[in-house]
Amino acid sequence: ITFAEEAGLIPEFDLAMATKVVNHLANIPDRYQAAINISGFSVGDEKYVAGLKALLANNQWAAERVLFEITESSRMADLEAANEFIQVLRKDGYEVCLDDFGAGESAFEYLRELDVDYVKIDGKYVKDAANSAKDQAFLKAMSGLCRDLEIATIAEFVETEETLEFLKEC
C-alpha cells in the first residue's frame, strides 16, 4: 500500500480492489459483507471517483453489503471535495468509516470536516490503554467526542474481557 501511494498507483489499486470485492460478493450468499479501504489519496483522484461511481451504479445491491473505510495513510488535500465524495456514497446507501482514527496527524481535522458514520479507533490506543492512564484518557475523549457528534465508534485490538469492559464504559 505504501509503495502504491508513493508511486502514485494507489487509485488504480484501490479501484481494482473495490472491483474484486464487489465481484466476489456478487457470487457468495447475501449474509456476507465486506469493508473496502480507500486511501485518502484516491478520494481526490477524479479517475478513481468516476470508476468507483460506475462500479457502484452497476451493482446497486452492494450498498447493503459494503462499508467504505477511508484510511489515513495518505493525507487528503481537499477535504471539501473529499466530504462531497463521502456524501455521495452515503446518499447511495453506503456507510463510511474513518479508519485508524488517531494514527495520523490529521485525525481531528478529518473528524471536523468529514461527515461519516463510523470512526475506527486505532488499535495502538486500545492496546496501550490497559497499562496507560494517558491512553485511557485519550480513548475516553475520542469516544466522547464521537458520541457528541453522533458518530459510532469501532475499536481495533479488543483482545481481552478487561479491554472490552473498559471500552463499554467509554
N, C-alpha and C. Protein backbone atom coordinates (compact mmCIF):
# COMPACT_ATOMS: atom_id res chain seq x y z
N ILE A 1 0.83 -1.18 0.00
CA ILE A 1 0.00 0.00 0.00
C ILE A 1 0.88 1.25 0.00
N THR A 2 1.86 1.27 0.89
CA THR A 2 2.75 2.43 0.97
C THR A 2 3.46 2.65 -0.36
N PHE A 3 3.96 1.56 -0.96
CA PHE A 3 4.63 1.68 -2.26
C PHE A 3 3.67 2.22 -3.31
N ALA A 4 2.46 1.70 -3.35
CA ALA A 4 1.48 2.15 -4.34
C ALA A 4 1.16 3.63 -4.15
N GLU A 5 1.07 4.08 -2.90
CA GLU A 5 0.82 5.50 -2.64
C GLU A 5 2.00 6.34 -3.09
N GLU A 6 3.21 5.90 -2.73
CA GLU A 6 4.40 6.67 -3.09
C GLU A 6 4.63 6.70 -4.59
N ALA A 7 4.26 5.62 -5.29
CA ALA A 7 4.45 5.54 -6.74
C ALA A 7 3.30 6.17 -7.52
N GLY A 8 2.27 6.64 -6.80
CA GLY A 8 1.12 7.24 -7.48
C GLY A 8 0.19 6.22 -8.11
N LEU A 9 0.27 4.98 -7.67
CA LEU A 9 -0.54 3.90 -8.25
C LEU A 9 -1.75 3.53 -7.39
N ILE A 10 -1.90 4.19 -6.26
CA ILE A 10 -2.93 3.78 -5.31
C ILE A 10 -4.35 3.92 -5.84
N PRO A 11 -4.69 4.94 -6.65
CA PRO A 11 -6.07 4.98 -7.14
C PRO A 11 -6.43 3.76 -7.99
N GLU A 12 -5.50 3.33 -8.83
CA GLU A 12 -5.75 2.13 -9.65
C GLU A 12 -5.86 0.89 -8.76
N PHE A 13 -4.98 0.80 -7.75
CA PHE A 13 -5.02 -0.32 -6.82
C PHE A 13 -6.33 -0.34 -6.05
N ASP A 14 -6.74 0.81 -5.52
CA ASP A 14 -7.99 0.89 -4.75
C ASP A 14 -9.19 0.51 -5.61
N LEU A 15 -9.20 0.97 -6.86
CA LEU A 15 -10.33 0.63 -7.75
C LEU A 15 -10.32 -0.86 -8.09
N ALA A 16 -9.14 -1.42 -8.31
CA ALA A 16 -9.05 -2.85 -8.60
C ALA A 16 -9.55 -3.67 -7.41
N MET A 17 -9.19 -3.26 -6.19
CA MET A 17 -9.64 -3.98 -5.00
C MET A 17 -11.15 -3.86 -4.82
N ALA A 18 -11.68 -2.66 -5.02
CA ALA A 18 -13.13 -2.47 -4.90
C ALA A 18 -13.87 -3.35 -5.91
N THR A 19 -13.36 -3.41 -7.13
CA THR A 19 -13.97 -4.24 -8.17
C THR A 19 -13.91 -5.71 -7.77
N LYS A 20 -12.77 -6.13 -7.26
CA LYS A 20 -12.61 -7.53 -6.84
C LYS A 20 -13.57 -7.87 -5.71
N VAL A 21 -13.69 -6.99 -4.73
CA VAL A 21 -14.58 -7.25 -3.59
C VAL A 21 -16.04 -7.31 -4.04
N VAL A 22 -16.46 -6.36 -4.85
CA VAL A 22 -17.86 -6.34 -5.32
C VAL A 22 -18.15 -7.59 -6.16
N ASN A 23 -17.23 -7.95 -7.05
CA ASN A 23 -17.43 -9.16 -7.86
C ASN A 23 -17.48 -10.41 -6.99
N HIS A 24 -16.65 -10.47 -5.96
CA HIS A 24 -16.66 -11.62 -5.06
C HIS A 24 -17.99 -11.69 -4.28
N LEU A 25 -18.41 -10.55 -3.75
CA LEU A 25 -19.67 -10.52 -3.01
C LEU A 25 -20.85 -10.93 -3.88
N ALA A 26 -20.79 -10.61 -5.16
CA ALA A 26 -21.89 -10.95 -6.07
C ALA A 26 -22.06 -12.46 -6.22
N ASN A 27 -21.01 -13.20 -5.89
CA ASN A 27 -21.03 -14.65 -6.11
C ASN A 27 -21.09 -15.47 -4.83
N ILE A 28 -21.36 -14.81 -3.70
CA ILE A 28 -21.48 -15.54 -2.44
C ILE A 28 -22.80 -15.15 -1.77
N PRO A 29 -23.23 -15.90 -0.77
CA PRO A 29 -24.52 -15.60 -0.12
C PRO A 29 -24.62 -14.18 0.43
N ASP A 30 -25.83 -13.66 0.43
CA ASP A 30 -26.11 -12.29 0.87
C ASP A 30 -25.72 -11.99 2.31
N ARG A 31 -25.58 -12.99 3.13
CA ARG A 31 -25.27 -12.74 4.54
C ARG A 31 -23.85 -12.20 4.74
N TYR A 32 -23.02 -12.29 3.72
CA TYR A 32 -21.64 -11.81 3.84
C TYR A 32 -21.53 -10.35 3.45
N GLN A 33 -20.71 -9.63 4.22
CA GLN A 33 -20.46 -8.22 3.97
C GLN A 33 -18.96 -7.99 3.92
N ALA A 34 -18.55 -6.82 3.45
CA ALA A 34 -17.12 -6.51 3.38
C ALA A 34 -16.90 -5.02 3.57
N ALA A 35 -15.72 -4.70 4.08
CA ALA A 35 -15.28 -3.31 4.16
C ALA A 35 -14.21 -3.12 3.10
N ILE A 36 -14.30 -2.01 2.39
CA ILE A 36 -13.33 -1.69 1.34
C ILE A 36 -12.57 -0.45 1.77
N ASN A 37 -11.25 -0.58 1.88
CA ASN A 37 -10.42 0.57 2.23
C ASN A 37 -10.22 1.47 1.02
N ILE A 38 -10.19 2.77 1.28
CA ILE A 38 -9.89 3.77 0.27
C ILE A 38 -8.79 4.66 0.82
N SER A 39 -7.70 4.76 0.11
CA SER A 39 -6.63 5.66 0.52
C SER A 39 -7.13 7.10 0.44
N GLY A 40 -6.67 7.92 1.36
CA GLY A 40 -7.01 9.35 1.30
C GLY A 40 -6.59 9.97 -0.01
N PHE A 41 -5.54 9.45 -0.62
CA PHE A 41 -5.09 9.95 -1.91
C PHE A 41 -6.11 9.67 -3.00
N SER A 42 -6.72 8.48 -2.97
CA SER A 42 -7.68 8.09 -4.01
C SER A 42 -8.94 8.94 -3.98
N VAL A 43 -9.33 9.37 -2.79
CA VAL A 43 -10.55 10.17 -2.65
C VAL A 43 -10.50 11.42 -3.53
N GLY A 44 -9.30 11.96 -3.73
CA GLY A 44 -9.14 13.16 -4.54
C GLY A 44 -8.80 12.90 -6.00
N ASP A 45 -8.79 11.64 -6.41
CA ASP A 45 -8.43 11.30 -7.78
C ASP A 45 -9.69 11.15 -8.64
N GLU A 46 -9.82 11.99 -9.66
CA GLU A 46 -11.03 12.00 -10.49
C GLU A 46 -11.30 10.67 -11.17
N LYS A 47 -10.25 10.01 -11.67
CA LYS A 47 -10.44 8.73 -12.35
C LYS A 47 -10.93 7.67 -11.37
N TYR A 48 -10.38 7.69 -10.17
CA TYR A 48 -10.82 6.72 -9.16
C TYR A 48 -12.30 6.96 -8.82
N VAL A 49 -12.63 8.21 -8.52
CA VAL A 49 -14.00 8.54 -8.14
C VAL A 49 -14.97 8.15 -9.26
N ALA A 50 -14.64 8.48 -10.50
CA ALA A 50 -15.51 8.13 -11.63
C ALA A 50 -15.62 6.61 -11.78
N GLY A 51 -14.50 5.90 -11.64
CA GLY A 51 -14.52 4.45 -11.76
C GLY A 51 -15.33 3.79 -10.66
N LEU A 52 -15.19 4.29 -9.43
CA LEU A 52 -15.95 3.72 -8.32
C LEU A 52 -17.45 4.00 -8.50
N LYS A 53 -17.78 5.22 -8.91
CA LYS A 53 -19.19 5.55 -9.14
C LYS A 53 -19.80 4.62 -10.19
N ALA A 54 -19.06 4.35 -11.27
CA ALA A 54 -19.55 3.45 -12.32
C ALA A 54 -19.73 2.04 -11.78
N LEU A 55 -18.75 1.56 -11.02
CA LEU A 55 -18.83 0.22 -10.43
C LEU A 55 -20.07 0.10 -9.55
N LEU A 56 -20.29 1.10 -8.70
CA LEU A 56 -21.41 1.04 -7.77
C LEU A 56 -22.75 1.21 -8.48
N ALA A 57 -22.78 2.03 -9.52
CA ALA A 57 -24.02 2.21 -10.30
C ALA A 57 -24.44 0.90 -10.95
N ASN A 58 -23.47 0.08 -11.33
CA ASN A 58 -23.77 -1.21 -11.97
C ASN A 58 -24.03 -2.31 -10.95
N ASN A 59 -23.85 -2.01 -9.68
CA ASN A 59 -24.03 -3.01 -8.62
C ASN A 59 -24.72 -2.38 -7.42
N GLN A 60 -25.91 -1.84 -7.65
CA GLN A 60 -26.60 -1.10 -6.59
C GLN A 60 -26.92 -1.95 -5.37
N TRP A 61 -27.01 -3.24 -5.53
CA TRP A 61 -27.24 -4.16 -4.42
C TRP A 61 -26.13 -4.07 -3.37
N ALA A 62 -24.94 -3.63 -3.79
CA ALA A 62 -23.78 -3.64 -2.90
C ALA A 62 -23.93 -2.70 -1.70
N ALA A 63 -24.82 -1.72 -1.79
CA ALA A 63 -25.00 -0.78 -0.67
C ALA A 63 -25.38 -1.50 0.62
N GLU A 64 -26.04 -2.63 0.51
CA GLU A 64 -26.44 -3.40 1.68
C GLU A 64 -25.30 -4.22 2.27
N ARG A 65 -24.20 -4.34 1.51
CA ARG A 65 -23.16 -5.30 1.92
C ARG A 65 -21.75 -4.72 1.99
N VAL A 66 -21.60 -3.45 1.66
CA VAL A 66 -20.26 -2.85 1.61
C VAL A 66 -20.20 -1.62 2.51
N LEU A 67 -19.13 -1.53 3.26
CA LEU A 67 -18.78 -0.37 4.07
C LEU A 67 -17.46 0.16 3.51
N PHE A 68 -17.34 1.46 3.36
CA PHE A 68 -16.09 2.05 2.89
C PHE A 68 -15.33 2.64 4.07
N GLU A 69 -14.02 2.35 4.12
CA GLU A 69 -13.16 2.87 5.17
C GLU A 69 -12.11 3.77 4.54
N ILE A 70 -12.13 5.04 4.92
CA ILE A 70 -11.14 6.00 4.43
C ILE A 70 -9.92 5.89 5.34
N THR A 71 -8.77 5.54 4.77
CA THR A 71 -7.57 5.36 5.58
C THR A 71 -6.80 6.67 5.69
N GLU A 72 -6.03 6.77 6.76
CA GLU A 72 -5.22 7.96 7.00
C GLU A 72 -3.79 7.80 6.52
N SER A 73 -3.51 6.75 5.76
CA SER A 73 -2.13 6.52 5.33
C SER A 73 -1.64 7.62 4.40
N SER A 74 -2.56 8.27 3.71
CA SER A 74 -2.19 9.36 2.81
C SER A 74 -3.11 10.55 3.09
N ARG A 75 -2.53 11.70 3.26
CA ARG A 75 -3.29 12.91 3.60
C ARG A 75 -4.21 13.33 2.47
N MET A 76 -5.44 13.68 2.81
CA MET A 76 -6.39 14.21 1.82
C MET A 76 -6.13 15.70 1.65
N ALA A 77 -5.90 16.11 0.42
CA ALA A 77 -5.55 17.50 0.15
C ALA A 77 -6.76 18.42 0.21
N ASP A 78 -7.88 18.00 -0.35
CA ASP A 78 -9.07 18.84 -0.45
C ASP A 78 -10.19 18.20 0.36
N LEU A 79 -10.33 18.61 1.61
CA LEU A 79 -11.32 17.99 2.49
C LEU A 79 -12.74 18.28 2.05
N GLU A 80 -12.98 19.43 1.45
CA GLU A 80 -14.33 19.74 0.97
C GLU A 80 -14.73 18.77 -0.14
N ALA A 81 -13.84 18.53 -1.09
CA ALA A 81 -14.12 17.57 -2.17
C ALA A 81 -14.25 16.15 -1.61
N ALA A 82 -13.40 15.83 -0.64
CA ALA A 82 -13.47 14.51 -0.01
C ALA A 82 -14.82 14.31 0.66
N ASN A 83 -15.30 15.32 1.36
CA ASN A 83 -16.60 15.20 2.02
C ASN A 83 -17.73 15.09 0.99
N GLU A 84 -17.62 15.79 -0.12
CA GLU A 84 -18.64 15.66 -1.18
C GLU A 84 -18.68 14.22 -1.69
N PHE A 85 -17.50 13.62 -1.89
CA PHE A 85 -17.41 12.23 -2.33
C PHE A 85 -18.05 11.30 -1.29
N ILE A 86 -17.71 11.52 -0.03
CA ILE A 86 -18.27 10.70 1.05
C ILE A 86 -19.79 10.83 1.09
N GLN A 87 -20.30 12.03 0.91
CA GLN A 87 -21.75 12.24 0.97
C GLN A 87 -22.46 11.57 -0.20
N VAL A 88 -21.81 11.49 -1.36
CA VAL A 88 -22.38 10.75 -2.49
C VAL A 88 -22.51 9.27 -2.12
N LEU A 89 -21.46 8.72 -1.51
CA LEU A 89 -21.53 7.32 -1.08
C LEU A 89 -22.66 7.12 -0.07
N ARG A 90 -22.74 8.00 0.90
CA ARG A 90 -23.77 7.88 1.95
C ARG A 90 -25.17 8.04 1.36
N LYS A 91 -25.34 8.98 0.42
CA LYS A 91 -26.64 9.18 -0.23
C LYS A 91 -27.08 7.92 -0.98
N ASP A 92 -26.10 7.21 -1.52
CA ASP A 92 -26.40 5.98 -2.24
C ASP A 92 -26.56 4.77 -1.32
N GLY A 93 -26.53 5.00 0.00
CA GLY A 93 -26.80 3.94 0.95
C GLY A 93 -25.58 3.27 1.55
N TYR A 94 -24.40 3.74 1.22
CA TYR A 94 -23.17 3.15 1.78
C TYR A 94 -22.82 3.85 3.08
N GLU A 95 -22.32 3.07 4.02
CA GLU A 95 -21.80 3.65 5.25
C GLU A 95 -20.30 3.89 5.06
N VAL A 96 -19.81 4.96 5.71
CA VAL A 96 -18.41 5.35 5.56
C VAL A 96 -17.78 5.49 6.93
N CYS A 97 -16.55 5.01 7.02
CA CYS A 97 -15.80 4.99 8.28
C CYS A 97 -14.46 5.68 8.09
N LEU A 98 -14.03 6.44 9.10
CA LEU A 98 -12.65 6.92 9.15
C LEU A 98 -11.84 5.82 9.83
N ASP A 99 -10.89 5.25 9.11
CA ASP A 99 -10.11 4.11 9.61
C ASP A 99 -8.88 4.59 10.38
N ASP A 100 -8.46 3.83 11.37
CA ASP A 100 -7.26 4.12 12.16
C ASP A 100 -7.27 5.52 12.74
N PHE A 101 -8.41 5.93 13.28
CA PHE A 101 -8.54 7.26 13.83
C PHE A 101 -7.54 7.47 14.96
N GLY A 102 -6.84 8.56 14.89
CA GLY A 102 -5.85 8.90 15.89
C GLY A 102 -4.43 8.55 15.47
N ALA A 103 -4.29 7.75 14.41
CA ALA A 103 -2.96 7.33 13.99
C ALA A 103 -2.23 8.43 13.23
N GLY A 104 -2.98 9.27 12.52
CA GLY A 104 -2.36 10.30 11.69
C GLY A 104 -2.46 11.66 12.33
N GLU A 105 -1.74 12.59 11.76
CA GLU A 105 -1.71 13.95 12.30
C GLU A 105 -2.98 14.72 12.01
N SER A 106 -3.82 14.22 11.12
CA SER A 106 -5.00 14.97 10.68
C SER A 106 -6.30 14.45 11.26
N ALA A 107 -6.26 13.54 12.20
CA ALA A 107 -7.45 12.85 12.67
C ALA A 107 -8.57 13.80 13.08
N PHE A 108 -8.27 14.75 13.93
CA PHE A 108 -9.34 15.61 14.42
C PHE A 108 -9.82 16.59 13.34
N GLU A 109 -8.92 17.00 12.45
CA GLU A 109 -9.34 17.83 11.33
C GLU A 109 -10.30 17.06 10.43
N TYR A 110 -10.00 15.78 10.18
CA TYR A 110 -10.89 14.95 9.38
C TYR A 110 -12.25 14.81 10.05
N LEU A 111 -12.23 14.58 11.35
CA LEU A 111 -13.48 14.42 12.07
C LEU A 111 -14.32 15.68 12.01
N ARG A 112 -13.66 16.81 12.02
CA ARG A 112 -14.36 18.10 11.96
C ARG A 112 -14.93 18.36 10.56
N GLU A 113 -14.21 17.97 9.52
CA GLU A 113 -14.57 18.33 8.15
C GLU A 113 -15.35 17.27 7.39
N LEU A 114 -15.28 16.02 7.82
CA LEU A 114 -15.90 14.93 7.08
C LEU A 114 -17.06 14.34 7.86
N ASP A 115 -18.19 14.22 7.22
CA ASP A 115 -19.36 13.62 7.85
C ASP A 115 -19.37 12.13 7.53
N VAL A 116 -19.12 11.32 8.55
CA VAL A 116 -19.02 9.87 8.38
C VAL A 116 -19.95 9.17 9.36
N ASP A 117 -20.11 7.88 9.15
CA ASP A 117 -20.98 7.07 10.00
C ASP A 117 -20.24 6.46 11.19
N TYR A 118 -18.96 6.11 10.96
CA TYR A 118 -18.17 5.43 11.98
C TYR A 118 -16.77 6.02 12.06
N VAL A 119 -16.17 5.84 13.21
CA VAL A 119 -14.76 6.11 13.41
C VAL A 119 -14.17 4.83 13.99
N LYS A 120 -13.14 4.32 13.33
CA LYS A 120 -12.45 3.13 13.84
C LYS A 120 -11.19 3.62 14.56
N ILE A 121 -11.20 3.48 15.88
CA ILE A 121 -10.10 3.98 16.70
C ILE A 121 -8.88 3.08 16.52
N ASP A 122 -7.76 3.71 16.24
CA ASP A 122 -6.51 2.98 16.01
C ASP A 122 -6.20 2.04 17.16
N GLY A 123 -5.82 0.83 16.82
CA GLY A 123 -5.56 -0.21 17.81
C GLY A 123 -4.46 0.12 18.79
N LYS A 124 -3.55 1.01 18.44
CA LYS A 124 -2.46 1.41 19.34
C LYS A 124 -3.04 1.95 20.65
N TYR A 125 -4.06 2.77 20.56
CA TYR A 125 -4.67 3.34 21.76
C TYR A 125 -5.35 2.26 22.60
N VAL A 126 -5.98 1.32 21.92
CA VAL A 126 -6.70 0.26 22.63
C VAL A 126 -5.71 -0.67 23.33
N LYS A 127 -4.65 -1.08 22.61
CA LYS A 127 -3.66 -1.98 23.21
C LYS A 127 -2.97 -1.35 24.41
N ASP A 128 -2.64 -0.08 24.30
CA ASP A 128 -1.88 0.59 25.34
C ASP A 128 -2.74 1.04 26.53
N ALA A 129 -4.06 1.08 26.34
CA ALA A 129 -4.94 1.58 27.40
C ALA A 129 -4.90 0.73 28.66
N ALA A 130 -4.65 -0.55 28.51
CA ALA A 130 -4.62 -1.43 29.68
C ALA A 130 -3.54 -1.01 30.68
N ASN A 131 -2.47 -0.41 30.18
CA ASN A 131 -1.34 -0.08 31.05
C ASN A 131 -1.04 1.41 31.12
N SER A 132 -1.89 2.22 30.53
CA SER A 132 -1.56 3.64 30.45
C SER A 132 -2.78 4.51 30.75
N ALA A 133 -2.69 5.26 31.82
CA ALA A 133 -3.78 6.18 32.17
C ALA A 133 -3.94 7.24 31.09
N LYS A 134 -2.83 7.62 30.47
CA LYS A 134 -2.87 8.62 29.41
C LYS A 134 -3.68 8.10 28.21
N ASP A 135 -3.41 6.84 27.79
CA ASP A 135 -4.15 6.27 26.67
C ASP A 135 -5.61 6.04 27.03
N GLN A 136 -5.89 5.71 28.29
CA GLN A 136 -7.29 5.58 28.71
C GLN A 136 -8.00 6.93 28.57
N ALA A 137 -7.33 8.00 28.94
CA ALA A 137 -7.91 9.34 28.82
C ALA A 137 -8.17 9.68 27.35
N PHE A 138 -7.22 9.33 26.47
CA PHE A 138 -7.41 9.58 25.03
C PHE A 138 -8.62 8.80 24.50
N LEU A 139 -8.73 7.54 24.90
CA LEU A 139 -9.87 6.74 24.44
C LEU A 139 -11.19 7.33 24.92
N LYS A 140 -11.23 7.72 26.19
CA LYS A 140 -12.46 8.32 26.71
C LYS A 140 -12.79 9.61 25.97
N ALA A 141 -11.78 10.42 25.69
CA ALA A 141 -12.01 11.69 24.99
C ALA A 141 -12.47 11.44 23.55
N MET A 142 -11.82 10.50 22.85
CA MET A 142 -12.20 10.20 21.47
C MET A 142 -13.62 9.66 21.40
N SER A 143 -13.94 8.71 22.28
CA SER A 143 -15.28 8.12 22.23
C SER A 143 -16.34 9.15 22.64
N GLY A 144 -16.02 10.00 23.61
CA GLY A 144 -16.97 11.04 24.00
C GLY A 144 -17.22 12.05 22.89
N LEU A 145 -16.16 12.44 22.20
CA LEU A 145 -16.31 13.36 21.08
C LEU A 145 -17.16 12.74 19.98
N CYS A 146 -16.89 11.49 19.65
CA CYS A 146 -17.68 10.82 18.63
C CYS A 146 -19.14 10.68 19.05
N ARG A 147 -19.36 10.37 20.31
CA ARG A 147 -20.74 10.26 20.82
C ARG A 147 -21.46 11.60 20.67
N ASP A 148 -20.77 12.70 21.04
CA ASP A 148 -21.36 14.03 20.90
C ASP A 148 -21.67 14.38 19.46
N LEU A 149 -20.86 13.87 18.53
CA LEU A 149 -21.07 14.13 17.10
C LEU A 149 -22.00 13.11 16.45
N GLU A 150 -22.51 12.18 17.26
CA GLU A 150 -23.41 11.12 16.80
C GLU A 150 -22.75 10.24 15.73
N ILE A 151 -21.49 9.90 15.98
CA ILE A 151 -20.72 9.01 15.12
C ILE A 151 -20.41 7.76 15.93
N ALA A 152 -20.76 6.60 15.39
CA ALA A 152 -20.49 5.34 16.08
C ALA A 152 -18.98 5.07 16.08
N THR A 153 -18.51 4.36 17.09
CA THR A 153 -17.09 4.03 17.18
C THR A 153 -16.88 2.52 17.10
N ILE A 154 -15.74 2.18 16.53
CA ILE A 154 -15.28 0.80 16.44
C ILE A 154 -13.86 0.80 16.99
N ALA A 155 -13.53 -0.17 17.81
CA ALA A 155 -12.18 -0.25 18.37
C ALA A 155 -11.46 -1.45 17.79
N GLU A 156 -10.19 -1.26 17.46
CA GLU A 156 -9.35 -2.35 17.00
C GLU A 156 -8.63 -2.97 18.19
N PHE A 157 -8.18 -4.22 18.03
CA PHE A 157 -7.37 -4.92 19.02
C PHE A 157 -8.07 -5.13 20.36
N VAL A 158 -9.34 -5.45 20.32
CA VAL A 158 -10.06 -5.80 21.54
C VAL A 158 -9.80 -7.29 21.77
N GLU A 159 -8.85 -7.58 22.67
CA GLU A 159 -8.39 -8.96 22.82
C GLU A 159 -8.68 -9.56 24.18
N THR A 160 -9.11 -8.76 25.16
CA THR A 160 -9.39 -9.30 26.49
C THR A 160 -10.75 -8.79 26.98
N GLU A 161 -11.30 -9.51 27.93
CA GLU A 161 -12.55 -9.09 28.56
C GLU A 161 -12.36 -7.74 29.26
N GLU A 162 -11.20 -7.56 29.88
CA GLU A 162 -10.90 -6.31 30.59
C GLU A 162 -10.95 -5.12 29.62
N THR A 163 -10.36 -5.30 28.44
CA THR A 163 -10.38 -4.23 27.43
C THR A 163 -11.81 -3.97 26.97
N LEU A 164 -12.55 -5.04 26.74
CA LEU A 164 -13.94 -4.90 26.29
C LEU A 164 -14.76 -4.14 27.32
N GLU A 165 -14.61 -4.47 28.59
CA GLU A 165 -15.37 -3.79 29.64
C GLU A 165 -14.98 -2.31 29.73
N PHE A 166 -13.69 -2.03 29.62
CA PHE A 166 -13.26 -0.62 29.65
C PHE A 166 -13.85 0.15 28.47
N LEU A 167 -13.85 -0.46 27.29
CA LEU A 167 -14.40 0.22 26.11
C LEU A 167 -15.90 0.44 26.24
N LYS A 168 -16.59 -0.51 26.84
CA LYS A 168 -18.02 -0.32 27.07
C LYS A 168 -18.26 0.87 27.99
N GLU A 169 -17.41 1.04 29.01
CA GLU A 169 -17.52 2.19 29.90
C GLU A 169 -17.31 3.51 29.14
N CYS A 170 -16.39 3.47 28.21
CA CYS A 170 -16.11 4.68 27.40
C CYS A 170 -17.31 5.06 26.57
